[in-house]
C-alpha atoms as a PDB file:
ATOM      1  CA  MET A   1      37.111  19.121  -8.633  1.00  0.00           C
ATOM      2  CA  THR A   2      34.399  19.070 -11.284  1.00  0.00           C
ATOM      3  CA  ASP A   3      32.147  21.968 -12.161  1.00  0.00           C
ATOM      4  CA  GLN A   4      29.144  20.108 -10.775  1.00  0.00           C
ATOM      5  CA  LYS A   5      27.068  22.173  -8.379  1.00  0.00           C
ATOM      6  CA  TYR A   6      26.518  20.862  -4.865  1.00  0.00           C
ATOM      7  CA  VAL A   7      23.352  21.757  -2.978  1.00  0.00           C
ATOM      8  CA  THR A   8      22.445  21.945   0.688  1.00  0.00           C
ATOM      9  CA  THR A   9      20.459  19.506   2.777  1.00  0.00           C
ATOM     10  CA  SER A  10      17.462  21.831   2.707  1.00  0.00           C
ATOM     11  CA  VAL A  11      17.483  21.935  -1.099  1.00  0.00           C
ATOM     12  CA  VAL A  12      17.494  18.121  -1.195  1.00  0.00           C
ATOM     13  CA  ALA A  13      14.640  18.025   1.320  1.00  0.00           C
ATOM     14  CA  ASP A  14      12.581  20.496  -0.707  1.00  0.00           C
ATOM     15  CA  TYR A  15      13.285  18.642  -3.939  1.00  0.00           C
ATOM     16  CA  PHE A  16      12.172  15.261  -2.582  1.00  0.00           C
ATOM     17  CA  LEU A  17       9.348  16.778  -0.494  1.00  0.00           C
ATOM     18  CA  VAL A  18      10.706  15.502   2.810  1.00  0.00           C
ATOM     19  CA  ASN A  19      11.901  17.062   6.041  1.00  0.00           C
ATOM     20  CA  VAL A  20      15.556  18.041   6.496  1.00  0.00           C
ATOM     21  CA  ALA A  21      15.709  15.520   9.355  1.00  0.00           C
ATOM     22  CA  THR A  22      14.750  12.798   6.865  1.00  0.00           C
ATOM     23  CA  VAL A  23      17.677  13.668   4.609  1.00  0.00           C
ATOM     24  CA  ARG A  24      20.015  13.615   7.609  1.00  0.00           C
ATOM     25  CA  ARG A  25      18.628  10.210   8.624  1.00  0.00           C
ATOM     26  CA  TRP A  26      19.149   8.893   5.074  1.00  0.00           C
ATOM     27  CA  VAL A  27      22.814   9.911   5.319  1.00  0.00           C
ATOM     28  CA  LEU A  28      23.305   8.362   8.762  1.00  0.00           C
ATOM     29  CA  GLU A  29      21.571   5.123   7.769  1.00  0.00           C
ATOM     30  CA  GLY A  30      23.535   4.852   4.538  1.00  0.00           C
ATOM     31  CA  THR A  31      20.450   5.163   2.351  1.00  0.00           C
ATOM     32  CA  ILE A  32      22.160   7.893   0.359  1.00  0.00           C
ATOM     33  CA  PRO A  33      25.321   6.625  -1.380  1.00  0.00           C
ATOM     34  CA  ASN A  34      28.597   8.165  -0.215  1.00  0.00           C
ATOM     35  CA  ASP A  35      29.523   9.242  -3.730  1.00  0.00           C
ATOM     36  CA  THR A  36      26.497  11.553  -3.993  1.00  0.00           C
ATOM     37  CA  TYR A  37      27.645  13.994  -1.324  1.00  0.00           C
ATOM     38  CA  ILE A  38      30.633  15.637   0.311  1.00  0.00           C
ATOM     39  CA  ILE A  39      31.148  17.190   3.724  1.00  0.00           C
ATOM     40  CA  LEU A  40      32.536  20.719   3.836  1.00  0.00           C
ATOM     41  CA  GLY A  41      33.207  22.210   7.246  1.00  0.00           C
ATOM     42  CA  GLY A  42      30.791  19.778   8.862  1.00  0.00           C
ATOM     43  CA  THR A  43      28.043  20.628   6.364  1.00  0.00           C
ATOM     44  CA  TYR A  44      26.723  18.157   3.821  1.00  0.00           C
ATOM     45  CA  ARG A  45      26.559  19.141   0.151  1.00  0.00           C
ATOM     46  CA  PHE A  46      24.797  16.908  -2.338  1.00  0.00           C
ATOM     47  CA  LYS A  47      25.054  16.280  -6.074  1.00  0.00           C
ATOM     48  CA  LEU A  48      21.347  16.498  -6.798  1.00  0.00           C
ATOM     49  CA  PRO A  49      21.350  14.930 -10.300  1.00  0.00           C
ATOM     50  CA  GLU A  50      23.258  11.880  -9.046  1.00  0.00           C
ATOM     51  CA  LEU A  51      21.050  11.614  -5.986  1.00  0.00           C
ATOM     52  CA  GLU A  52      17.919  11.735  -8.137  1.00  0.00           C
ATOM     53  CA  GLU A  53      19.390   9.106 -10.460  1.00  0.00           C
ATOM     54  CA  PHE A  54      20.047   6.836  -7.472  1.00  0.00           C
ATOM     55  CA  PHE A  55      16.489   7.143  -6.156  1.00  0.00           C
ATOM     56  CA  VAL A  56      14.955   6.556  -9.595  1.00  0.00           C
ATOM     57  CA  ALA A  57      17.062   3.420 -10.080  1.00  0.00           C
ATOM     58  CA  ASP A  58      16.281   2.224  -6.544  1.00  0.00           C
ATOM     59  CA  THR A  59      12.541   2.742  -7.086  1.00  0.00           C
ATOM     60  CA  LYS A  60      12.652   0.786 -10.344  1.00  0.00           C
ATOM     61  CA  LYS A  61      14.589  -2.012  -8.633  1.00  0.00           C
ATOM     62  CA  ARG A  62      12.084  -2.220  -5.767  1.00  0.00           C
ATOM     63  CA  SER A  63       9.174  -2.205  -8.211  1.00  0.00           C
ATOM     64  CA  THR A  64      10.706  -5.093 -10.152  1.00  0.00           C
ATOM     65  CA  LEU A  65      11.264  -7.098  -6.983  1.00  0.00           C
ATOM     66  CA  GLU A  66       7.668  -6.544  -5.866  1.00  0.00           C
ATOM     67  CA  THR A  67       6.242  -7.753  -9.166  1.00  0.00           C
ATOM     68  CA  GLU A  68       8.394 -10.897  -9.075  1.00  0.00           C
ATOM     69  CA  HIS A  69       6.819 -12.050  -5.802  1.00  0.00           C
END
């Protein structure tokens, strides 16, 4: 296992200024990539830097698609 720190669902929610239920929904819907979190004892733990990187890239991709139309 790497030395990367995993954070809780509530930390992710606070960081992205959303409700904890939103983060849970993102996981269930597959919005959050599987490689950005693990499940320990039924509790989700997230790699925040990788999760942020995913959302930044996704936002840029969506912005590019919108300007092409």
